[in-house]
């Protein structure tokens, strides 16, 4: 079900419960039952919305990382590279969030009660984003003339390769 159809479905369920009270229970039961139903529906809606916001945070952080990495490789302005690493550090729980807590996004999702099925879909999205981080790291280091030593350390110094950095940030592989 979609988030936008939820209010209509909730209203339908409340009407069904009202009808059930009229047929099977005393009229004095209706206010208590309606209160319980409304509280349950409200809690469910709030939980669903919190989950939506957390999933959207993963999407937004991935979009921000792409935008910041591309801006850095085009401008060479180190401000964008710093912002890039800050976004990644917040997402990974290495730097505090806007609410002051230092907690990984995945942990927040776990605490929100994401199901295994939801985590499977999020894992796919996270893996895609992490793959982009690898490309973005290569590109941002190429701007500085730093290259992988074969062990994932960008310590080999050569001429900066701005053309390669820009190309890999905009090619078909990056967009795949």
N, C-alpha and C. Protein backbone atom coordinates (compact mmCIF):
# COMPACT_ATOMS: atom_id res chain seq x y z
N UNK A 1 0.83 -1.19 0.00
CA UNK A 1 0.00 0.00 0.00
C UNK A 1 0.87 1.24 0.00
N UNK A 2 0.39 2.29 -0.64
CA UNK A 2 1.16 3.53 -0.68
C UNK A 2 0.84 4.39 0.54
N UNK A 3 1.76 5.28 0.83
CA UNK A 3 1.59 6.19 1.96
C UNK A 3 0.38 7.09 1.73
N UNK A 4 0.16 7.49 0.48
CA UNK A 4 -0.94 8.41 0.19
C UNK A 4 -2.30 7.74 0.33
N UNK A 5 -2.39 6.42 0.16
CA UNK A 5 -3.68 5.73 0.29
C UNK A 5 -3.99 5.35 1.73
N UNK A 6 -3.03 5.53 2.62
CA UNK A 6 -3.20 5.09 4.00
C UNK A 6 -4.36 5.78 4.72
N UNK A 7 -4.52 7.10 4.62
CA UNK A 7 -5.65 7.74 5.33
C UNK A 7 -7.01 7.17 4.92
N UNK A 8 -7.20 6.90 3.63
CA UNK A 8 -8.46 6.32 3.17
C UNK A 8 -8.67 4.93 3.74
N UNK A 9 -7.61 4.13 3.77
CA UNK A 9 -7.73 2.79 4.33
C UNK A 9 -8.02 2.86 5.84
N UNK A 10 -7.41 3.81 6.52
CA UNK A 10 -7.65 3.97 7.96
C UNK A 10 -9.10 4.36 8.21
N UNK A 11 -9.62 5.28 7.41
CA UNK A 11 -11.03 5.70 7.55
C UNK A 11 -11.96 4.52 7.32
N UNK A 12 -11.67 3.71 6.34
CA UNK A 12 -12.49 2.53 6.06
C UNK A 12 -12.49 1.58 7.25
N UNK A 13 -11.31 1.37 7.84
CA UNK A 13 -11.23 0.47 9.01
C UNK A 13 -12.02 1.02 10.19
N UNK A 14 -11.97 2.34 10.41
CA UNK A 14 -12.74 2.93 11.51
C UNK A 14 -14.24 2.75 11.27
N UNK A 15 -14.68 2.92 10.03
CA UNK A 15 -16.10 2.71 9.72
C UNK A 15 -16.50 1.25 9.94
N UNK A 16 -15.64 0.32 9.57
CA UNK A 16 -15.93 -1.10 9.79
C UNK A 16 -16.07 -1.40 11.28
N UNK A 17 -15.19 -0.83 12.09
CA UNK A 17 -15.26 -1.06 13.54
C UNK A 17 -16.52 -0.44 14.14
N UNK A 18 -16.92 0.72 13.63
CA UNK A 18 -18.15 1.36 14.10
C UNK A 18 -19.35 0.46 13.78
N UNK A 19 -19.39 -0.06 12.57
CA UNK A 19 -20.48 -0.97 12.19
C UNK A 19 -20.48 -2.22 13.07
N UNK A 20 -19.31 -2.74 13.35
CA UNK A 20 -19.20 -3.95 14.17
C UNK A 20 -19.76 -3.71 15.58
N UNK A 21 -19.48 -2.52 16.12
CA UNK A 21 -19.99 -2.18 17.45
C UNK A 21 -21.52 -2.16 17.44
N UNK A 22 -22.09 -1.56 16.40
CA UNK A 22 -23.56 -1.48 16.31
C UNK A 22 -24.20 -2.85 16.25
N UNK A 23 -23.55 -3.79 15.60
CA UNK A 23 -24.13 -5.14 15.45
C UNK A 23 -23.87 -6.05 16.65
N UNK A 24 -22.70 -5.93 17.26
CA UNK A 24 -22.30 -6.95 18.22
C UNK A 24 -22.11 -6.46 19.67
N UNK A 25 -21.90 -5.17 19.87
CA UNK A 25 -21.56 -4.70 21.20
C UNK A 25 -22.56 -3.64 21.68
N UNK A 26 -22.46 -3.32 22.95
CA UNK A 26 -23.29 -2.26 23.51
C UNK A 26 -22.79 -0.91 23.01
N UNK A 27 -23.73 0.04 22.90
CA UNK A 27 -23.38 1.36 22.39
C UNK A 27 -22.33 2.06 23.26
N UNK A 28 -22.32 1.76 24.55
CA UNK A 28 -21.35 2.41 25.44
C UNK A 28 -19.91 1.99 25.12
N UNK A 29 -19.75 0.92 24.36
CA UNK A 29 -18.42 0.42 23.99
C UNK A 29 -17.80 1.24 22.86
N UNK A 30 -18.65 1.89 22.06
CA UNK A 30 -18.17 2.60 20.87
C UNK A 30 -17.10 3.64 21.18
N UNK A 31 -17.28 4.57 22.11
CA UNK A 31 -16.22 5.58 22.33
C UNK A 31 -14.89 4.97 22.72
N UNK A 32 -14.92 3.95 23.59
CA UNK A 32 -13.66 3.32 24.02
C UNK A 32 -12.99 2.62 22.84
N UNK A 33 -13.77 1.89 22.07
CA UNK A 33 -13.23 1.16 20.93
C UNK A 33 -12.67 2.12 19.87
N UNK A 34 -13.40 3.20 19.62
CA UNK A 34 -12.93 4.16 18.62
C UNK A 34 -11.62 4.80 19.08
N UNK A 35 -11.50 5.08 20.37
CA UNK A 35 -10.27 5.67 20.90
C UNK A 35 -9.10 4.72 20.69
N UNK A 36 -9.28 3.45 20.99
CA UNK A 36 -8.22 2.46 20.81
C UNK A 36 -7.85 2.34 19.33
N UNK A 37 -8.85 2.31 18.46
CA UNK A 37 -8.58 2.20 17.03
C UNK A 37 -7.83 3.43 16.51
N UNK A 38 -8.29 4.60 16.91
CA UNK A 38 -7.64 5.83 16.46
C UNK A 38 -6.19 5.91 16.95
N UNK A 39 -5.96 5.54 18.20
CA UNK A 39 -4.59 5.56 18.73
C UNK A 39 -3.70 4.57 17.98
N UNK A 40 -4.25 3.39 17.69
CA UNK A 40 -3.48 2.39 16.94
C UNK A 40 -3.17 2.85 15.53
N UNK A 41 -4.15 3.45 14.88
CA UNK A 41 -3.93 3.95 13.52
C UNK A 41 -2.94 5.11 13.52
N UNK A 42 -3.05 5.99 14.51
CA UNK A 42 -2.12 7.10 14.60
C UNK A 42 -0.70 6.61 14.83
N UNK A 43 -0.53 5.65 15.73
CA UNK A 43 0.81 5.10 16.00
C UNK A 43 1.37 4.43 14.75
N UNK A 44 0.52 3.71 14.05
CA UNK A 44 0.96 3.03 12.82
C UNK A 44 1.37 4.05 11.76
N UNK A 45 0.59 5.11 11.62
CA UNK A 45 0.90 6.15 10.65
C UNK A 45 2.21 6.85 11.00
N UNK A 46 2.40 7.15 12.27
CA UNK A 46 3.64 7.81 12.70
C UNK A 46 4.84 6.92 12.43
N UNK A 47 4.71 5.62 12.73
CA UNK A 47 5.80 4.68 12.49
C UNK A 47 6.13 4.60 11.01
N UNK A 48 5.11 4.55 10.19
CA UNK A 48 5.32 4.46 8.74
C UNK A 48 6.01 5.73 8.23
N UNK A 49 5.62 6.87 8.74
CA UNK A 49 6.22 8.13 8.31
C UNK A 49 7.68 8.22 8.76
N UNK A 50 7.97 7.81 9.99
CA UNK A 50 9.37 7.80 10.46
C UNK A 50 10.22 6.88 9.57
N UNK A 51 9.67 5.74 9.21
CA UNK A 51 10.40 4.81 8.34
C UNK A 51 10.66 5.44 6.98
N UNK A 52 9.65 6.11 6.46
CA UNK A 52 9.79 6.80 5.18
C UNK A 52 10.92 7.83 5.25
N UNK A 53 10.94 8.62 6.33
CA UNK A 53 11.97 9.66 6.47
C UNK A 53 13.37 9.05 6.54
N UNK A 54 13.51 7.93 7.23
CA UNK A 54 14.82 7.29 7.32
C UNK A 54 15.27 6.75 5.97
N UNK A 55 14.36 6.12 5.25
CA UNK A 55 14.71 5.61 3.91
C UNK A 55 15.05 6.77 2.98
N UNK A 56 14.31 7.86 3.11
CA UNK A 56 14.58 9.03 2.28
C UNK A 56 15.93 9.65 2.63
N UNK A 57 16.34 9.53 3.88
CA UNK A 57 17.65 10.06 4.28
C UNK A 57 18.77 9.33 3.53
N UNK A 58 18.63 8.04 3.32
CA UNK A 58 19.63 7.29 2.55
C UNK A 58 19.67 7.81 1.12
N UNK A 59 18.51 8.01 0.52
CA UNK A 59 18.44 8.53 -0.84
C UNK A 59 19.06 9.92 -0.91
N UNK A 60 18.68 10.78 0.04
CA UNK A 60 19.18 12.15 0.03
C UNK A 60 20.68 12.20 0.24
N UNK A 61 21.21 11.38 1.15
CA UNK A 61 22.65 11.41 1.38
C UNK A 61 23.40 10.93 0.14
N UNK A 62 22.86 9.95 -0.55
CA UNK A 62 23.49 9.48 -1.79
C UNK A 62 23.48 10.58 -2.85
N UNK A 63 22.35 11.27 -2.98
CA UNK A 63 22.28 12.40 -3.92
C UNK A 63 23.27 13.49 -3.54
N UNK A 64 23.36 13.80 -2.25
CA UNK A 64 24.29 14.84 -1.79
C UNK A 64 25.73 14.45 -2.09
N UNK A 65 26.07 13.18 -1.85
CA UNK A 65 27.43 12.73 -2.11
C UNK A 65 27.78 12.89 -3.59
N UNK A 66 26.87 12.50 -4.47
CA UNK A 66 27.11 12.64 -5.90
C UNK A 66 27.31 14.10 -6.27
N UNK A 67 26.42 14.95 -5.82
CA UNK A 67 26.50 16.38 -6.14
C UNK A 67 27.80 16.99 -5.64
N UNK A 68 28.17 16.68 -4.39
CA UNK A 68 29.39 17.25 -3.81
C UNK A 68 30.65 16.73 -4.50
N UNK A 69 30.69 15.44 -4.81
CA UNK A 69 31.87 14.88 -5.49
C UNK A 69 32.01 15.48 -6.89
N UNK A 70 30.91 15.58 -7.61
CA UNK A 70 30.98 16.17 -8.96
C UNK A 70 31.42 17.62 -8.90
N UNK A 71 30.89 18.36 -7.94
CA UNK A 71 31.28 19.77 -7.81
C UNK A 71 32.76 19.89 -7.48
N UNK A 72 33.24 19.01 -6.61
CA UNK A 72 34.67 19.05 -6.26
C UNK A 72 35.55 18.75 -7.47
N UNK A 73 35.23 17.70 -8.23
CA UNK A 73 36.12 17.36 -9.35
C UNK A 73 36.09 18.42 -10.45
N UNK A 74 35.02 19.19 -10.53
CA UNK A 74 34.95 20.26 -11.52
C UNK A 74 35.65 21.53 -11.03
N UNK A 75 35.47 21.86 -9.74
CA UNK A 75 36.02 23.12 -9.22
C UNK A 75 37.36 22.97 -8.52
N UNK A 76 37.62 21.80 -7.94
CA UNK A 76 38.83 21.60 -7.15
C UNK A 76 38.76 22.30 -5.80
N UNK A 77 37.60 22.86 -5.45
CA UNK A 77 37.43 23.57 -4.19
C UNK A 77 37.30 22.56 -3.05
N UNK A 78 38.28 22.56 -2.14
CA UNK A 78 38.34 21.56 -1.08
C UNK A 78 37.14 21.62 -0.13
N UNK A 79 36.43 22.73 -0.13
CA UNK A 79 35.22 22.85 0.70
C UNK A 79 34.21 21.75 0.35
N UNK A 80 34.07 21.46 -0.94
CA UNK A 80 33.11 20.43 -1.36
C UNK A 80 33.57 19.04 -0.97
N UNK A 81 34.87 18.81 -1.00
CA UNK A 81 35.37 17.52 -0.56
C UNK A 81 35.13 17.34 0.94
N UNK A 82 35.38 18.37 1.73
CA UNK A 82 35.11 18.30 3.18
C UNK A 82 33.63 18.02 3.45
N UNK A 83 32.77 18.72 2.74
CA UNK A 83 31.33 18.52 2.91
C UNK A 83 30.95 17.08 2.53
N UNK A 84 31.57 16.56 1.49
CA UNK A 84 31.32 15.18 1.05
C UNK A 84 31.62 14.20 2.18
N UNK A 85 32.82 14.32 2.77
CA UNK A 85 33.23 13.39 3.82
C UNK A 85 32.39 13.57 5.07
N UNK A 86 31.91 14.79 5.32
CA UNK A 86 31.01 15.02 6.46
C UNK A 86 29.68 14.31 6.28
N UNK A 87 29.11 14.39 5.09
CA UNK A 87 27.83 13.70 4.82
C UNK A 87 28.00 12.20 5.03
N UNK A 88 29.08 11.64 4.50
CA UNK A 88 29.33 10.21 4.65
C UNK A 88 29.54 9.83 6.12
N UNK A 89 30.27 10.66 6.86
CA UNK A 89 30.54 10.39 8.28
C UNK A 89 29.26 10.43 9.11
N UNK A 90 28.36 11.34 8.82
CA UNK A 90 27.09 11.39 9.54
C UNK A 90 26.28 10.14 9.23
N UNK A 91 26.19 9.78 7.97
CA UNK A 91 25.43 8.59 7.57
C UNK A 91 25.97 7.32 8.23
N UNK A 92 27.28 7.27 8.38
CA UNK A 92 27.92 6.08 8.97
C UNK A 92 28.03 6.14 10.49
N UNK A 93 27.54 7.22 11.09
CA UNK A 93 27.57 7.33 12.55
C UNK A 93 28.93 7.71 13.11
N UNK A 94 29.76 8.34 12.32
CA UNK A 94 31.09 8.76 12.76
C UNK A 94 31.12 10.23 13.19
N UNK A 95 30.10 10.97 12.83
CA UNK A 95 29.94 12.37 13.22
C UNK A 95 28.51 12.57 13.68
N UNK A 96 28.28 13.57 14.54
CA UNK A 96 26.92 13.78 15.05
C UNK A 96 25.93 14.23 13.97
N UNK A 97 24.70 13.80 14.17
CA UNK A 97 23.60 14.20 13.30
C UNK A 97 23.12 15.58 13.74
N UNK A 98 22.14 16.11 13.04
CA UNK A 98 21.61 17.44 13.38
C UNK A 98 20.99 17.46 14.78
N UNK A 99 20.56 16.29 15.28
CA UNK A 99 19.98 16.24 16.64
C UNK A 99 21.04 16.00 17.71
N UNK A 100 22.32 15.95 17.31
CA UNK A 100 23.42 15.80 18.26
C UNK A 100 23.84 14.36 18.52
N UNK A 101 23.02 13.40 18.08
CA UNK A 101 23.37 11.99 18.30
C UNK A 101 24.37 11.51 17.25
N UNK A 102 25.27 10.64 17.66
CA UNK A 102 26.23 10.03 16.74
C UNK A 102 25.82 8.57 16.60
N UNK A 103 25.02 8.30 15.58
CA UNK A 103 24.46 6.97 15.38
C UNK A 103 24.32 6.70 13.89
N UNK A 104 24.74 5.51 13.43
CA UNK A 104 24.61 5.19 12.00
C UNK A 104 23.15 5.14 11.57
N UNK A 105 22.91 5.49 10.32
CA UNK A 105 21.57 5.46 9.75
C UNK A 105 20.98 4.05 9.85
N UNK A 106 21.77 3.02 9.60
CA UNK A 106 21.28 1.64 9.68
C UNK A 106 20.76 1.31 11.07
N UNK A 107 21.44 1.81 12.09
CA UNK A 107 20.99 1.54 13.45
C UNK A 107 19.63 2.21 13.71
N UNK A 108 19.46 3.43 13.21
CA UNK A 108 18.17 4.11 13.35
C UNK A 108 17.07 3.32 12.65
N UNK A 109 17.41 2.75 11.51
CA UNK A 109 16.44 1.93 10.77
C UNK A 109 16.10 0.66 11.55
N UNK A 110 17.10 0.06 12.16
CA UNK A 110 16.88 -1.12 12.98
C UNK A 110 15.97 -0.79 14.16
N UNK A 111 16.26 0.34 14.82
CA UNK A 111 15.45 0.78 15.96
C UNK A 111 14.02 1.11 15.55
N UNK A 112 13.85 1.54 14.31
CA UNK A 112 12.51 1.87 13.80
C UNK A 112 11.71 0.63 13.44
N UNK A 113 12.36 -0.53 13.51
CA UNK A 113 11.64 -1.78 13.25
C UNK A 113 11.56 -2.18 11.79
N UNK A 114 12.53 -1.75 10.99
CA UNK A 114 12.52 -2.17 9.59
C UNK A 114 12.55 -3.69 9.51
N UNK A 115 11.81 -4.24 8.58
CA UNK A 115 11.74 -5.69 8.41
C UNK A 115 12.95 -6.19 7.63
N UNK A 116 13.15 -7.49 7.64
CA UNK A 116 14.24 -8.10 6.86
C UNK A 116 14.06 -7.79 5.38
N UNK A 117 12.82 -7.82 4.91
CA UNK A 117 12.54 -7.52 3.50
C UNK A 117 12.93 -6.07 3.17
N UNK A 118 12.59 -5.16 4.07
CA UNK A 118 12.96 -3.76 3.86
C UNK A 118 14.47 -3.59 3.89
N UNK A 119 15.14 -4.29 4.81
CA UNK A 119 16.60 -4.21 4.86
C UNK A 119 17.24 -4.79 3.60
N UNK A 120 16.64 -5.81 3.03
CA UNK A 120 17.18 -6.38 1.79
C UNK A 120 17.16 -5.33 0.67
N UNK A 121 16.07 -4.60 0.57
CA UNK A 121 15.97 -3.55 -0.44
C UNK A 121 16.93 -2.40 -0.12
N UNK A 122 17.02 -2.05 1.14
CA UNK A 122 17.94 -0.98 1.54
C UNK A 122 19.39 -1.39 1.34
N UNK A 123 19.70 -2.66 1.57
CA UNK A 123 21.06 -3.15 1.35
C UNK A 123 21.46 -2.96 -0.11
N UNK A 124 20.53 -3.26 -1.01
CA UNK A 124 20.80 -3.08 -2.44
C UNK A 124 21.10 -1.60 -2.73
N UNK A 125 20.29 -0.73 -2.18
CA UNK A 125 20.48 0.71 -2.37
C UNK A 125 21.80 1.17 -1.74
N UNK A 126 22.08 0.69 -0.54
CA UNK A 126 23.32 1.05 0.16
C UNK A 126 24.53 0.55 -0.63
N UNK A 127 24.47 -0.68 -1.15
CA UNK A 127 25.58 -1.22 -1.93
C UNK A 127 25.83 -0.40 -3.19
N UNK A 128 24.74 0.03 -3.83
CA UNK A 128 24.89 0.89 -5.01
C UNK A 128 25.56 2.21 -4.62
N UNK A 129 25.12 2.79 -3.52
CA UNK A 129 25.70 4.05 -3.05
C UNK A 129 27.17 3.86 -2.68
N UNK A 130 27.50 2.75 -2.01
CA UNK A 130 28.88 2.49 -1.63
C UNK A 130 29.77 2.31 -2.87
N UNK A 131 29.22 1.70 -3.91
CA UNK A 131 29.97 1.57 -5.17
C UNK A 131 30.28 2.93 -5.77
N UNK A 132 29.32 3.83 -5.66
CA UNK A 132 29.56 5.20 -6.14
C UNK A 132 30.62 5.89 -5.30
N UNK A 133 30.62 5.63 -4.00
CA UNK A 133 31.63 6.22 -3.11
C UNK A 133 33.02 5.81 -3.56
N UNK A 134 33.18 4.58 -3.99
CA UNK A 134 34.49 4.11 -4.48
C UNK A 134 34.93 4.93 -5.68
N UNK A 135 34.03 5.09 -6.64
CA UNK A 135 34.35 5.88 -7.83
C UNK A 135 34.62 7.33 -7.46
N UNK A 136 33.80 7.88 -6.57
CA UNK A 136 33.97 9.27 -6.15
C UNK A 136 35.31 9.47 -5.43
N UNK A 137 35.72 8.49 -4.64
CA UNK A 137 37.02 8.57 -3.94
C UNK A 137 38.16 8.58 -4.94
N UNK A 138 38.08 7.71 -5.93
CA UNK A 138 39.12 7.67 -6.98
C UNK A 138 39.19 9.03 -7.68
N UNK A 139 38.03 9.55 -8.06
CA UNK A 139 37.99 10.82 -8.79
C UNK A 139 38.52 11.98 -7.95
N UNK A 140 38.07 12.07 -6.69
CA UNK A 140 38.50 13.20 -5.85
C UNK A 140 40.00 13.14 -5.58
N UNK A 141 40.54 11.94 -5.43
CA UNK A 141 41.99 11.82 -5.21
C UNK A 141 42.76 12.12 -6.49
N UNK A 142 42.21 11.76 -7.65
CA UNK A 142 42.88 12.06 -8.92
C UNK A 142 43.02 13.57 -9.11
N UNK A 143 42.06 14.34 -8.61
CA UNK A 143 42.13 15.80 -8.68
C UNK A 143 43.36 16.29 -7.91
N UNK A 144 43.70 15.61 -6.83
CA UNK A 144 44.86 16.00 -6.00
C UNK A 144 46.15 15.33 -6.45
N UNK A 145 46.05 14.43 -7.45
CA UNK A 145 47.24 13.72 -7.89
C UNK A 145 47.62 12.57 -6.98
N UNK A 146 46.61 12.00 -6.29
CA UNK A 146 46.84 10.85 -5.41
C UNK A 146 46.15 9.63 -6.00
N UNK A 147 46.87 8.51 -5.97
CA UNK A 147 46.34 7.30 -6.59
C UNK A 147 46.50 6.12 -5.65
N UNK A 148 45.68 5.12 -5.87
CA UNK A 148 45.64 3.92 -5.05
C UNK A 148 46.96 3.15 -5.16
N UNK A 149 47.46 2.73 -4.03
CA UNK A 149 48.70 1.94 -4.00
C UNK A 149 48.43 0.45 -4.19
N UNK A 150 47.21 0.09 -4.46
CA UNK A 150 46.83 -1.32 -4.62
C UNK A 150 46.22 -1.90 -3.36
N UNK A 151 46.30 -1.16 -2.27
CA UNK A 151 45.74 -1.60 -0.99
C UNK A 151 44.64 -0.67 -0.48
N UNK A 152 44.17 0.20 -1.37
CA UNK A 152 43.10 1.12 -0.98
C UNK A 152 43.59 2.39 -0.32
N UNK A 153 44.90 2.59 -0.33
CA UNK A 153 45.47 3.82 0.25
C UNK A 153 45.87 4.75 -0.89
N UNK A 154 45.44 5.97 -0.83
CA UNK A 154 45.71 6.93 -1.89
C UNK A 154 46.96 7.72 -1.51
N UNK A 155 48.11 7.09 -1.75
CA UNK A 155 49.40 7.66 -1.34
C UNK A 155 50.40 7.76 -2.51
N UNK A 156 50.06 7.18 -3.63
CA UNK A 156 50.94 7.24 -4.80
C UNK A 156 50.74 8.61 -5.45
N UNK A 157 51.82 9.39 -5.54
CA UNK A 157 51.74 10.74 -6.10
C UNK A 157 52.13 10.74 -7.57
N UNK A 158 51.23 11.34 -8.36
CA UNK A 158 51.49 11.56 -9.79
C UNK A 158 50.80 12.87 -10.16
N UNK A 159 50.87 13.19 -11.42
CA UNK A 159 50.19 14.39 -11.91
C UNK A 159 48.69 14.27 -11.68
N UNK A 160 48.02 15.34 -11.24
CA UNK A 160 46.56 15.30 -11.16
C UNK A 160 45.97 14.99 -12.53
N UNK A 161 44.88 14.23 -12.54
CA UNK A 161 44.23 13.87 -13.79
C UNK A 161 42.77 14.33 -13.73
N UNK A 162 42.59 15.63 -13.99
CA UNK A 162 41.26 16.22 -13.92
C UNK A 162 40.32 15.64 -14.98
N UNK A 163 40.84 15.36 -16.14
CA UNK A 163 40.01 14.80 -17.21
C UNK A 163 39.45 13.44 -16.80
N UNK A 164 40.30 12.56 -16.29
CA UNK A 164 39.83 11.24 -15.85
C UNK A 164 38.83 11.38 -14.71
N UNK A 165 39.10 12.26 -13.76
CA UNK A 165 38.20 12.45 -12.62
C UNK A 165 36.82 12.89 -13.09
N UNK A 166 36.78 13.82 -13.99
CA UNK A 166 35.49 14.31 -14.50
C UNK A 166 34.79 13.24 -15.32
N UNK A 167 35.56 12.52 -16.12
CA UNK A 167 34.97 11.48 -16.98
C UNK A 167 34.31 10.38 -16.15
N UNK A 168 35.01 9.86 -15.13
CA UNK A 168 34.43 8.73 -14.38
C UNK A 168 33.26 9.17 -13.50
N UNK A 169 33.14 10.47 -13.24
CA UNK A 169 32.00 10.96 -12.46
C UNK A 169 30.77 11.21 -13.32
N UNK A 170 30.92 11.06 -14.65
CA UNK A 170 29.80 11.32 -15.54
C UNK A 170 29.60 10.25 -16.61
N UNK A 171 30.36 9.15 -16.56
CA UNK A 171 30.26 8.16 -17.62
C UNK A 171 29.11 7.18 -17.38
N UNK A 172 28.92 6.27 -18.33
CA UNK A 172 27.82 5.30 -18.26
C UNK A 172 27.96 4.36 -17.07
N UNK A 173 29.18 4.01 -16.70
CA UNK A 173 29.39 3.12 -15.56
C UNK A 173 28.87 3.78 -14.28
N UNK A 174 29.16 5.06 -14.13
CA UNK A 174 28.70 5.79 -12.94
C UNK A 174 27.17 5.86 -12.91
N UNK A 175 26.57 6.03 -14.05
CA UNK A 175 25.11 6.16 -14.14
C UNK A 175 24.37 4.82 -14.11
N UNK A 176 25.11 3.73 -14.21
CA UNK A 176 24.46 2.41 -14.27
C UNK A 176 23.84 2.00 -12.96
